[in-house]
Amino acid sequence: MAWVELKLWISSEMSELISSILEVNNALAVTLQDAGDQPIYEPDINNAPPVWDEVIATGLFDEQTDPKKILALILDQYPATHYEINHLADQQWERTWMQDFTPMQFGERLRIIPSYQNESQGSTDVVLDPGLAFGTGKHPTTAMCLRWLDQYIQGNEIVMDYGCGSGILSIAAIKLGAAKVLAVDHDPQAIHATRENADRNDIDQQQISTYFPQEITSSQTVDILIANILANPLIQLAKDFAALVKPQGQLVLSGILDEQSHDVIDAYQPWFEMKQITHQEDWVRIDFKKIYS
C-alpha cells in the first residue's frame, strides 16, 4: 500500500480548523509540529491550539485519496497557505519509522521495544510501534513519566492515565506491577490505540479500562494519577484531579514548559504538596502528594 501526505504551513490559530478538515476527509493520521520539528506527542485534551506560532500540519491518507480536493477546501478559506503533497511508497513509510524507533530503556526495569525487533521480551518490556497514536517514549515529557513509573510503581496500585494517547504509560504501569489502570482520553483514536496496544501486550480490559473524560466520576479514586498533557488544561483540571486522587496518593504532571511550572504548582497547592520537579530540555515533570481531602 502507498500513502499520500499533505503538509500545510499554517499559523497556530488555524490548527484546530485545519486538523478538523483533514480528519473529516478521512486522514489516517494528523500530526502538528513546529518549525523545529518538535511533535506534540500528547495533545491538549481540551483541543487548545499548539504552543507554537507557526505550525506544520500533516495529514496522512491512503493512496486512493485525491489530496487536491482536500487542498481546495483549505485554499478556499486560506488562499495564501503554503503546502506540499508527497506520495510515499509503503517501503518508504515503514523504513522511516523503523530507522527512527529502536529499543529504549527507562530506568532499571522498563524498556519500550518495537515489535519488529528480533529479540526476547522481558516481563517489563512494552511492545509499541509508531503509528496513528501519540506517544512512543521519545519526547521528553513521556520519557520523564516512564522513568517515574519505573522508579515508583511497587505493585498493586490503582492508576489513572489522564490523556492516555497511545496507552504507553498505562501499559508500562501494568507491566511494572500496577493492579489496574483507568486510561482516559477525549480522542476516540487514542482510546482505540490504547486498547489495540494493550492487546498487543497481552493486557486485558480488566487491567486497563478506557474512558472518555465525561465517563469518569469522583467515586473512581486512584492511588496514582499521571497526566502528560499541557499546562493550561492541567491548571483547569486541578480540582477534578484532587477529587480523583486518594488521600496520601501521588499525582504526576508532565507536558509543562519550565516557565509554566509555578502556575501549575499554584493551582494544585490547595490539595497537594509539591515533592519534586524534574527537568529535561525545556520541559518539566512535577510530582505531588495528596495532603488534603
C-alpha atoms as a PDB file:
ATOM      1  CA  MET A   1       0.000   0.000   0.000  1.00  0.00           C
ATOM      2  CA  ALA A   2       1.154   3.541  -0.787  1.00  0.00           C
ATOM      3  CA  TRP A   3       0.362   6.712   1.109  1.00  0.00           C
ATOM      4  CA  VAL A   4      -0.391  10.351   0.317  1.00  0.00           C
ATOM      5  CA  GLU A   5       0.971  13.014   2.639  1.00  0.00           C
ATOM      6  CA  LEU A   6      -0.450  16.552   2.656  1.00  0.00           C
ATOM      7  CA  LYS A   7       1.700  19.089   4.554  1.00  0.00           C
ATOM      8  CA  LEU A   8       0.432  22.591   5.316  1.00  0.00           C
ATOM      9  CA  TRP A   9       2.349  25.523   6.794  1.00  0.00           C
ATOM     10  CA  ILE A  10      -0.178  27.421   8.926  1.00  0.00           C
ATOM     11  CA  SER A  11      -0.492  29.695  11.953  1.00  0.00           C
ATOM     12  CA  SER A  12      -1.252  28.197  15.363  1.00  0.00           C
ATOM     13  CA  GLU A  13      -4.711  29.776  15.349  1.00  0.00           C
ATOM     14  CA  MET A  14      -5.619  27.796  12.230  1.00  0.00           C
ATOM     15  CA  SER A  15      -4.509  24.427  13.612  1.00  0.00           C
ATOM     16  CA  GLU A  16      -7.808  23.262  15.116  1.00  0.00           C
ATOM     17  CA  LEU A  17      -9.837  24.033  11.988  1.00  0.00           C
ATOM     18  CA  ILE A  18      -7.239  22.557   9.618  1.00  0.00           C
ATOM     19  CA  SER A  19      -6.967  19.407  11.741  1.00  0.00           C
ATOM     20  CA  SER A  20     -10.741  19.037  11.626  1.00  0.00           C
ATOM     21  CA  ILE A  21     -10.798  19.433   7.845  1.00  0.00           C
ATOM     22  CA  LEU A  22      -8.129  16.748   7.459  1.00  0.00           C
ATOM     23  CA  GLU A  23      -9.908  14.401   9.876  1.00  0.00           C
ATOM     24  CA  VAL A  24     -13.362  14.673   8.320  1.00  0.00           C
ATOM     25  CA  ASN A  25     -11.765  13.937   4.949  1.00  0.00           C
ATOM     26  CA  ASN A  26     -10.547  10.566   6.239  1.00  0.00           C
ATOM     27  CA  ALA A  27      -6.993  11.352   7.273  1.00  0.00           C
ATOM     28  CA  LEU A  28      -5.465   8.223   8.796  1.00  0.00           C
ATOM     29  CA  ALA A  29      -3.279  10.416  10.973  1.00  0.00           C
ATOM     30  CA  VAL A  30      -2.937  14.130  11.674  1.00  0.00           C
ATOM     31  CA  THR A  31       0.216  15.500  13.280  1.00  0.00           C
ATOM     32  CA  LEU A  32       1.192  19.023  14.292  1.00  0.00           C
ATOM     33  CA  GLN A  33       4.783  20.186  14.624  1.00  0.00           C
ATOM     34  CA  ASP A  34       6.695  23.417  14.894  1.00  0.00           C
ATOM     35  CA  ALA A  35       9.343  24.712  12.501  1.00  0.00           C
ATOM     36  CA  GLY A  36      11.931  22.812  14.544  1.00  0.00           C
ATOM     37  CA  ASP A  37      10.082  19.521  14.010  1.00  0.00           C
ATOM     38  CA  GLN A  38       9.103  19.037  17.651  1.00  0.00           C
ATOM     39  CA  PRO A  39       5.916  16.932  17.615  1.00  0.00           C
ATOM     40  CA  ILE A  40       3.075  17.181  20.084  1.00  0.00           C
ATOM     41  CA  TYR A  41       3.080  13.629  21.393  1.00  0.00           C
ATOM     42  CA  GLU A  42       0.342  14.171  23.943  1.00  0.00           C
ATOM     43  CA  PRO A  43      -2.075  16.812  22.644  1.00  0.00           C
ATOM     44  CA  ASP A  44      -4.072  19.115  24.868  1.00  0.00           C
ATOM     45  CA  ILE A  45      -7.194  17.199  25.812  1.00  0.00           C
ATOM     46  CA  ASN A  46      -9.278  20.365  25.546  1.00  0.00           C
ATOM     47  CA  ASN A  47      -8.223  20.971  21.937  1.00  0.00           C
ATOM     48  CA  ALA A  48      -6.286  24.124  22.729  1.00  0.00           C
ATOM     49  CA  PRO A  49      -4.028  25.260  19.874  1.00  0.00           C
ATOM     50  CA  PRO A  50      -0.357  24.269  19.948  1.00  0.00           C
ATOM     51  CA  VAL A  51       2.166  26.318  21.878  1.00  0.00           C
ATOM     52  CA  TRP A  52       3.962  27.415  18.690  1.00  0.00           C
ATOM     53  CA  ASP A  53       3.296  30.450  16.496  1.00  0.00           C
ATOM     54  CA  GLU A  54       3.852  28.616  13.211  1.00  0.00           C
ATOM     55  CA  VAL A  55       2.711  25.050  12.690  1.00  0.00           C
ATOM     56  CA  ILE A  56       3.202  22.339  10.086  1.00  0.00           C
ATOM     57  CA  ALA A  57       0.021  20.272   9.885  1.00  0.00           C
ATOM     58  CA  THR A  58       0.448  16.925   8.158  1.00  0.00           C
ATOM     59  CA  GLY A  59      -2.363  14.634   7.082  1.00  0.00           C
ATOM     60  CA  LEU A  60      -1.640  11.053   6.016  1.00  0.00           C
ATOM     61  CA  PHE A  61      -4.105   9.436   3.589  1.00  0.00           C
ATOM     62  CA  ASP A  62      -4.371   6.188   1.704  1.00  0.00           C
ATOM     63  CA  GLU A  63      -3.333   6.130  -1.938  1.00  0.00           C
ATOM     64  CA  GLN A  64      -6.923   6.361  -3.218  1.00  0.00           C
ATOM     65  CA  THR A  65      -7.358   9.845  -1.758  1.00  0.00           C
ATOM     66  CA  ASP A  66      -7.147  12.872  -4.034  1.00  0.00           C
ATOM     67  CA  PRO A  67      -5.330  15.436  -1.854  1.00  0.00           C
ATOM     68  CA  LYS A  68      -6.092  18.248  -4.292  1.00  0.00           C
ATOM     69  CA  LYS A  69      -9.791  18.106  -3.404  1.00  0.00           C
ATOM     70  CA  ILE A  70      -8.971  18.484   0.277  1.00  0.00           C
ATOM     71  CA  LEU A  71      -6.446  21.183  -0.507  1.00  0.00           C
ATOM     72  CA  ALA A  72      -9.073  23.124  -2.472  1.00  0.00           C
ATOM     73  CA  LEU A  73     -11.291  23.288   0.631  1.00  0.00           C
ATOM     74  CA  ILE A  74      -8.421  24.750   2.628  1.00  0.00           C
ATOM     75  CA  LEU A  75      -7.211  27.181  -0.022  1.00  0.00           C
ATOM     76  CA  ASP A  76     -10.743  28.452  -0.460  1.00  0.00           C
ATOM     77  CA  GLN A  77     -10.577  29.790   3.114  1.00  0.00           C
ATOM     78  CA  TYR A  78      -6.825  30.387   3.371  1.00  0.00           C
ATOM     79  CA  PRO A  79      -5.554  31.066  -0.176  1.00  0.00           C
ATOM     80  CA  ALA A  80      -2.026  32.013   0.948  1.00  0.00           C
ATOM     81  CA  THR A  81      -1.366  28.663   2.653  1.00  0.00           C
ATOM     82  CA  HIS A  82       1.925  27.051   1.632  1.00  0.00           C
ATOM     83  CA  TYR A  83       1.556  23.308   1.039  1.00  0.00           C
ATOM     84  CA  GLU A  84       3.365  20.201  -0.128  1.00  0.00           C
ATOM     85  CA  ILE A  85       1.982  16.899  -1.440  1.00  0.00           C
ATOM     86  CA  ASN A  86       4.125  13.783  -1.165  1.00  0.00           C
ATOM     87  CA  HIS A  87       3.473  10.255  -2.380  1.00  0.00           C
ATOM     88  CA  LEU A  88       5.108   7.657  -0.149  1.00  0.00           C
ATOM     89  CA  ALA A  89       5.654   4.036  -1.055  1.00  0.00           C
ATOM     90  CA  ASP A  90       4.875   1.549   1.698  1.00  0.00           C
ATOM     91  CA  GLN A  91       8.562   0.710   1.976  1.00  0.00           C
ATOM     92  CA  GLN A  92       9.444   4.387   2.417  1.00  0.00           C
ATOM     93  CA  TRP A  93       6.963   4.828   5.238  1.00  0.00           C
ATOM     94  CA  GLU A  94       7.999   1.695   7.101  1.00  0.00           C
ATOM     95  CA  ARG A  95      11.706   2.299   6.635  1.00  0.00           C
ATOM     96  CA  THR A  96      11.411   5.818   8.011  1.00  0.00           C
ATOM     97  CA  TRP A  97       9.813   4.895  11.296  1.00  0.00           C
ATOM     98  CA  MET A  98      11.775   1.655  11.714  1.00  0.00           C
ATOM     99  CA  GLN A  99      15.029   3.594  11.480  1.00  0.00           C
ATOM    100  CA  ASP A 100      13.826   6.170  13.998  1.00  0.00           C
ATOM    101  CA  PHE A 101      12.358   3.814  16.586  1.00  0.00           C
ATOM    102  CA  THR A 102      14.723   1.399  18.322  1.00  0.00           C
ATOM    103  CA  PRO A 103      14.544  -0.138  21.852  1.00  0.00           C
ATOM    104  CA  MET A 104      14.674   2.454  24.631  1.00  0.00           C
ATOM    105  CA  GLN A 105      15.451   1.917  28.322  1.00  0.00           C
ATOM    106  CA  PHE A 106      13.711   3.942  31.039  1.00  0.00           C
ATOM    107  CA  GLY A 107      15.156   3.426  34.493  1.00  0.00           C
ATOM    108  CA  GLU A 108      16.211  -0.003  35.698  1.00  0.00           C
ATOM    109  CA  ARG A 109      13.243  -2.157  34.721  1.00  0.00           C
ATOM    110  CA  LEU A 110      11.285  -0.614  31.885  1.00  0.00           C
ATOM    111  CA  ARG A 111      12.020  -0.922  28.196  1.00  0.00           C
ATOM    112  CA  ILE A 112       9.997   0.136  25.130  1.00  0.00           C
ATOM    113  CA  ILE A 113      10.643  -2.089  22.134  1.00  0.00           C
ATOM    114  CA  PRO A 114       9.215  -2.186  18.583  1.00  0.00           C
ATOM    115  CA  SER A 115       7.517  -5.411  17.525  1.00  0.00           C
ATOM    116  CA  TYR A 116       9.907  -5.954  14.623  1.00  0.00           C
ATOM    117  CA  GLN A 117      12.956  -6.331  16.895  1.00  0.00           C
ATOM    118  CA  ASN A 118      14.145  -9.929  16.829  1.00  0.00           C
ATOM    119  CA  GLU A 119      14.980 -10.332  20.494  1.00  0.00           C
ATOM    120  CA  SER A 120      13.449 -11.945  23.546  1.00  0.00           C
ATOM    121  CA  GLN A 121      10.958  -9.897  25.527  1.00  0.00           C
ATOM    122  CA  GLY A 122      11.165  -9.443  29.271  1.00  0.00           C
ATOM    123  CA  SER A 123       8.203  -9.143  31.635  1.00  0.00           C
ATOM    124  CA  THR A 124       8.588  -5.368  31.863  1.00  0.00           C
ATOM    125  CA  ASP A 125       9.086  -4.765  28.142  1.00  0.00           C
ATOM    126  CA  VAL A 126       6.386  -2.697  26.431  1.00  0.00           C
ATOM    127  CA  VAL A 127       5.872  -3.563  22.754  1.00  0.00           C
ATOM    128  CA  LEU A 128       4.893  -0.435  20.857  1.00  0.00           C
ATOM    129  CA  ASP A 129       5.248   0.583  17.226  1.00  0.00           C
ATOM    130  CA  PRO A 130       4.929   4.119  15.884  1.00  0.00           C
ATOM    131  CA  GLY A 131       1.589   4.544  14.193  1.00  0.00           C
ATOM    132  CA  LEU A 132      -1.534   6.640  14.393  1.00  0.00           C
ATOM    133  CA  ALA A 133      -1.325   7.161  18.152  1.00  0.00           C
ATOM    134  CA  PHE A 134       0.616   9.764  20.051  1.00  0.00           C
ATOM    135  CA  GLY A 135       3.434   8.751  22.356  1.00  0.00           C
ATOM    136  CA  THR A 136       6.321   6.363  21.824  1.00  0.00           C
ATOM    137  CA  GLY A 137       8.606   7.493  24.648  1.00  0.00           C
ATOM    138  CA  LYS A 138      10.868   9.698  22.570  1.00  0.00           C
ATOM    139  CA  HIS A 139       9.500  13.032  23.699  1.00  0.00           C
ATOM    140  CA  PRO A 140      10.970  14.355  26.996  1.00  0.00           C
ATOM    141  CA  THR A 141       7.548  14.648  28.653  1.00  0.00           C
ATOM    142  CA  THR A 142       6.740  10.986  28.003  1.00  0.00           C
ATOM    143  CA  ALA A 143      10.257   9.850  28.900  1.00  0.00           C
ATOM    144  CA  MET A 144      10.085  11.586  32.286  1.00  0.00           C
ATOM    145  CA  CYS A 145       6.757   9.890  33.047  1.00  0.00           C
ATOM    146  CA  LEU A 146       8.116   6.477  32.086  1.00  0.00           C
ATOM    147  CA  ARG A 147      11.110   6.930  34.377  1.00  0.00           C
ATOM    148  CA  TRP A 148       8.780   7.925  37.223  1.00  0.00           C
ATOM    149  CA  LEU A 149       6.717   4.769  36.741  1.00  0.00           C
ATOM    150  CA  ASP A 150       9.852   2.627  36.672  1.00  0.00           C
ATOM    151  CA  GLN A 151      11.009   4.122  39.976  1.00  0.00           C
ATOM    152  CA  TYR A 152       7.766   4.310  41.933  1.00  0.00           C
ATOM    153  CA  ILE A 153       5.384   1.550  40.841  1.00  0.00           C
ATOM    154  CA  GLN A 154       5.784  -1.078  43.551  1.00  0.00           C
ATOM    155  CA  GLY A 155       2.817  -3.347  42.815  1.00  0.00           C
ATOM    156  CA  ASN A 156      -0.993  -3.484  43.116  1.00  0.00           C
ATOM    157  CA  GLU A 157      -1.590   0.266  42.663  1.00  0.00           C
ATOM    158  CA  ILE A 158      -4.726   1.666  41.031  1.00  0.00           C
ATOM    159  CA  VAL A 159      -3.533   4.201  38.424  1.00  0.00           C
ATOM    160  CA  MET A 160      -5.255   6.755  36.221  1.00  0.00           C
ATOM    161  CA  ASP A 161      -3.533   7.745  32.964  1.00  0.00           C
ATOM    162  CA  TYR A 162      -5.266  11.003  32.005  1.00  0.00           C
ATOM    163  CA  GLY A 163      -4.653  11.831  28.342  1.00  0.00           C
ATOM    164  CA  CYS A 164      -3.558   8.288  27.549  1.00  0.00           C
ATOM    165  CA  GLY A 165      -2.727   8.803  23.849  1.00  0.00           C
ATOM    166  CA  SER A 166      -1.101   5.583  22.660  1.00  0.00           C
ATOM    167  CA  GLY A 167      -1.547   3.930  26.052  1.00  0.00           C
ATOM    168  CA  ILE A 168       2.196   3.791  26.624  1.00  0.00           C
ATOM    169  CA  LEU A 169       2.010   4.933  30.269  1.00  0.00           C
ATOM    170  CA  SER A 170      -0.970   2.680  31.020  1.00  0.00           C
ATOM    171  CA  ILE A 171       0.779  -0.366  29.600  1.00  0.00           C
ATOM    172  CA  ALA A 172       4.049   0.478  31.363  1.00  0.00           C
ATOM    173  CA  ALA A 173       2.237   0.764  34.705  1.00  0.00           C
ATOM    174  CA  ILE A 174       0.669  -2.693  34.296  1.00  0.00           C
ATOM    175  CA  LYS A 175       3.957  -4.230  33.168  1.00  0.00           C
ATOM    176  CA  LEU A 176       5.623  -2.806  36.272  1.00  0.00           C
ATOM    177  CA  GLY A 177       3.028  -4.311  38.594  1.00  0.00           C
ATOM    178  CA  ALA A 178       0.046  -1.955  38.912  1.00  0.00           C
ATOM    179  CA  ALA A 179      -3.205  -3.790  39.558  1.00  0.00           C
ATOM    180  CA  LYS A 180      -5.425  -1.667  37.318  1.00  0.00           C
ATOM    181  CA  VAL A 181      -5.234   1.420  35.097  1.00  0.00           C
ATOM    182  CA  LEU A 182      -8.045   3.755  34.130  1.00  0.00           C
ATOM    183  CA  ALA A 183      -6.944   5.162  30.752  1.00  0.00           C
ATOM    184  CA  VAL A 184      -8.719   8.423  29.892  1.00  0.00           C
ATOM    185  CA  ASP A 185      -8.701  10.477  26.691  1.00  0.00           C
ATOM    186  CA  HIS A 186     -11.103  12.743  24.788  1.00  0.00           C
ATOM    187  CA  ASP A 187      -9.927  11.393  21.414  1.00  0.00           C
ATOM    188  CA  PRO A 188     -11.615   8.205  20.109  1.00  0.00           C
ATOM    189  CA  GLN A 189      -8.452   7.458  18.140  1.00  0.00           C
ATOM    190  CA  ALA A 190      -6.444   7.437  21.369  1.00  0.00           C
ATOM    191  CA  ILE A 191      -8.966   5.157  23.072  1.00  0.00           C
ATOM    192  CA  HIS A 192      -8.760   2.757  20.136  1.00  0.00           C
ATOM    193  CA  ALA A 193      -4.966   2.883  20.069  1.00  0.00           C
ATOM    194  CA  THR A 194      -4.696   2.251  23.814  1.00  0.00           C
ATOM    195  CA  ARG A 195      -6.942  -0.786  23.545  1.00  0.00           C
ATOM    196  CA  GLU A 196      -5.063  -2.083  20.493  1.00  0.00           C
ATOM    197  CA  ASN A 197      -1.648  -1.586  22.103  1.00  0.00           C
ATOM    198  CA  ALA A 198      -2.856  -3.215  25.330  1.00  0.00           C
ATOM    199  CA  ASP A 199      -3.992  -6.255  23.346  1.00  0.00           C
ATOM    200  CA  ARG A 200      -0.597  -6.401  21.672  1.00  0.00           C
ATOM    201  CA  ASN A 201       0.971  -6.580  25.129  1.00  0.00           C
ATOM    202  CA  ASP A 202      -1.469  -9.291  26.317  1.00  0.00           C
ATOM    203  CA  ILE A 203      -3.207  -6.919  28.731  1.00  0.00           C
ATOM    204  CA  ASP A 204      -6.964  -7.371  29.094  1.00  0.00           C
ATOM    205  CA  GLN A 205      -9.764  -4.894  29.765  1.00  0.00           C
ATOM    206  CA  GLN A 206      -9.858  -5.795  33.442  1.00  0.00           C
ATOM    207  CA  GLN A 207      -6.319  -4.441  33.756  1.00  0.00           C
ATOM    208  CA  ILE A 208      -6.668  -1.387  31.504  1.00  0.00           C
ATOM    209  CA  SER A 209     -10.132   0.132  31.191  1.00  0.00           C
ATOM    210  CA  THR A 210     -10.644   3.019  28.761  1.00  0.00           C
ATOM    211  CA  TYR A 211     -12.856   6.053  29.353  1.00  0.00           C
ATOM    212  CA  PHE A 212     -13.783   9.394  27.877  1.00  0.00           C
ATOM    213  CA  PRO A 213     -13.392  12.224  30.438  1.00  0.00           C
ATOM    214  CA  GLN A 214     -17.151  12.645  30.888  1.00  0.00           C
ATOM    215  CA  GLU A 215     -17.418   8.992  31.958  1.00  0.00           C
ATOM    216  CA  ILE A 216     -15.118   9.467  34.960  1.00  0.00           C
ATOM    217  CA  THR A 217     -16.792  10.078  38.336  1.00  0.00           C
ATOM    218  CA  SER A 218     -15.388  11.144  41.700  1.00  0.00           C
ATOM    219  CA  SER A 219     -16.036   7.626  43.025  1.00  0.00           C
ATOM    220  CA  GLN A 220     -13.231   6.284  40.827  1.00  0.00           C
ATOM    221  CA  THR A 221     -10.408   7.282  43.143  1.00  0.00           C
ATOM    222  CA  VAL A 222      -6.866   6.126  42.465  1.00  0.00           C
ATOM    223  CA  ASP A 223      -3.521   5.735  44.223  1.00  0.00           C
ATOM    224  CA  ILE A 224      -1.651   7.418  41.363  1.00  0.00           C
ATOM    225  CA  LEU A 225      -2.850   9.865  38.733  1.00  0.00           C
ATOM    226  CA  ILE A 226      -0.413  10.601  35.910  1.00  0.00           C
ATOM    227  CA  ALA A 227      -1.225  13.195  33.260  1.00  0.00           C
ATOM    228  CA  ASN A 228       1.053  14.093  30.369  1.00  0.00           C
ATOM    229  CA  ILE A 229      -0.885  16.801  28.567  1.00  0.00           C
ATOM    230  CA  LEU A 230      -0.185  20.563  28.612  1.00  0.00           C
ATOM    231  CA  ALA A 231      -0.051  23.239  31.316  1.00  0.00           C
ATOM    232  CA  ASN A 232      -3.323  25.072  30.649  1.00  0.00           C
ATOM    233  CA  PRO A 233      -5.610  22.016  30.802  1.00  0.00           C
ATOM    234  CA  LEU A 234      -3.655  20.750  33.827  1.00  0.00           C
ATOM    235  CA  ILE A 235      -4.426  24.005  35.627  1.00  0.00           C
ATOM    236  CA  GLN A 236      -8.093  23.762  34.647  1.00  0.00           C
ATOM    237  CA  LEU A 237      -8.288  20.165  35.897  1.00  0.00           C
ATOM    238  CA  ALA A 238      -6.731  20.767  39.332  1.00  0.00           C
ATOM    239  CA  LYS A 239      -9.971  20.493  41.313  1.00  0.00           C
ATOM    240  CA  ASP A 240     -11.098  17.434  39.330  1.00  0.00           C
ATOM    241  CA  PHE A 241      -7.784  15.689  39.896  1.00  0.00           C
ATOM    242  CA  ALA A 242      -7.934  16.497  43.608  1.00  0.00           C
ATOM    243  CA  ALA A 243     -11.246  14.613  43.790  1.00  0.00           C
ATOM    244  CA  LEU A 244      -9.800  11.589  41.973  1.00  0.00           C
ATOM    245  CA  VAL A 245      -6.599  11.032  43.970  1.00  0.00           C
ATOM    246  CA  LYS A 246      -6.884   9.207  47.301  1.00  0.00           C
ATOM    247  CA  PRO A 247      -5.531  10.868  50.468  1.00  0.00           C
ATOM    248  CA  GLN A 248      -1.739  10.421  50.523  1.00  0.00           C
ATOM    249  CA  GLY A 249      -1.952   9.416  46.850  1.00  0.00           C
ATOM    250  CA  GLN A 250       0.503  10.580  44.207  1.00  0.00           C
ATOM    251  CA  LEU A 251      -0.028  12.974  41.301  1.00  0.00           C
ATOM    252  CA  VAL A 252       2.447  13.194  38.409  1.00  0.00           C
ATOM    253  CA  LEU A 253       2.069  16.019  35.891  1.00  0.00           C
ATOM    254  CA  SER A 254       4.037  16.481  32.689  1.00  0.00           C
ATOM    255  CA  GLY A 255       3.731  18.328  29.382  1.00  0.00           C
ATOM    256  CA  ILE A 256       4.727  21.526  31.176  1.00  0.00           C
ATOM    257  CA  LEU A 257       7.256  24.055  29.958  1.00  0.00           C
ATOM    258  CA  ASP A 258       9.744  25.225  32.568  1.00  0.00           C
ATOM    259  CA  GLU A 259       8.357  28.757  32.716  1.00  0.00           C
ATOM    260  CA  GLN A 260       4.831  27.387  33.322  1.00  0.00           C
ATOM    261  CA  SER A 261       5.734  25.308  36.376  1.00  0.00           C
ATOM    262  CA  HIS A 262       4.930  27.960  39.002  1.00  0.00           C
ATOM    263  CA  ASP A 263       1.408  28.458  37.662  1.00  0.00           C
ATOM    264  CA  VAL A 264       0.769  24.712  37.731  1.00  0.00           C
ATOM    265  CA  ILE A 265       2.125  24.352  41.279  1.00  0.00           C
ATOM    266  CA  ASP A 266      -0.043  27.259  42.468  1.00  0.00           C
ATOM    267  CA  ALA A 267      -3.158  25.640  41.003  1.00  0.00           C
ATOM    268  CA  TYR A 268      -2.590  22.395  42.941  1.00  0.00           C
ATOM    269  CA  GLN A 269      -1.426  23.796  46.297  1.00  0.00           C
ATOM    270  CA  PRO A 270      -4.904  23.751  47.915  1.00  0.00           C
ATOM    271  CA  TRP A 271      -4.864  19.938  47.829  1.00  0.00           C
ATOM    272  CA  PHE A 272      -1.329  18.711  47.126  1.00  0.00           C
ATOM    273  CA  GLU A 273       2.196  19.062  48.436  1.00  0.00           C
ATOM    274  CA  MET A 274       4.790  19.528  45.717  1.00  0.00           C
ATOM    275  CA  LYS A 275       7.506  16.893  46.186  1.00  0.00           C
ATOM    276  CA  GLN A 276       9.855  17.259  43.225  1.00  0.00           C
ATOM    277  CA  ILE A 277      10.409  18.966  39.883  1.00  0.00           C
ATOM    278  CA  THR A 278      12.334  17.065  37.222  1.00  0.00           C
ATOM    279  CA  HIS A 279      13.732  18.844  34.153  1.00  0.00           C
ATOM    280  CA  GLN A 280      14.520  17.522  30.679  1.00  0.00           C
ATOM    281  CA  GLU A 281      15.326  20.005  27.934  1.00  0.00           C
ATOM    282  CA  ASP A 282      12.688  22.786  28.159  1.00  0.00           C
ATOM    283  CA  TRP A 283      10.112  20.555  29.860  1.00  0.00           C
ATOM    284  CA  VAL A 284       9.375  19.646  33.466  1.00  0.00           C
ATOM    285  CA  ARG A 285       7.595  16.902  35.371  1.00  0.00           C
ATOM    286  CA  ILE A 286       6.069  17.903  38.713  1.00  0.00           C
ATOM    287  CA  ASP A 287       5.425  15.284  41.418  1.00  0.00           C
ATOM    288  CA  PHE A 288       2.811  15.900  44.136  1.00  0.00           C
ATOM    289  CA  LYS A 289       1.405  14.097  47.172  1.00  0.00           C
ATOM    290  CA  LYS A 290      -2.246  14.479  48.177  1.00  0.00           C
ATOM    291  CA  ILE A 291      -2.413  16.121  51.607  1.00  0.00           C
ATOM    292  CA  TYR A 292      -6.000  17.379  51.824  1.00  0.00           C
ATOM    293  CA  SER A 293      -9.229  15.536  51.175  1.00  0.00           C
END
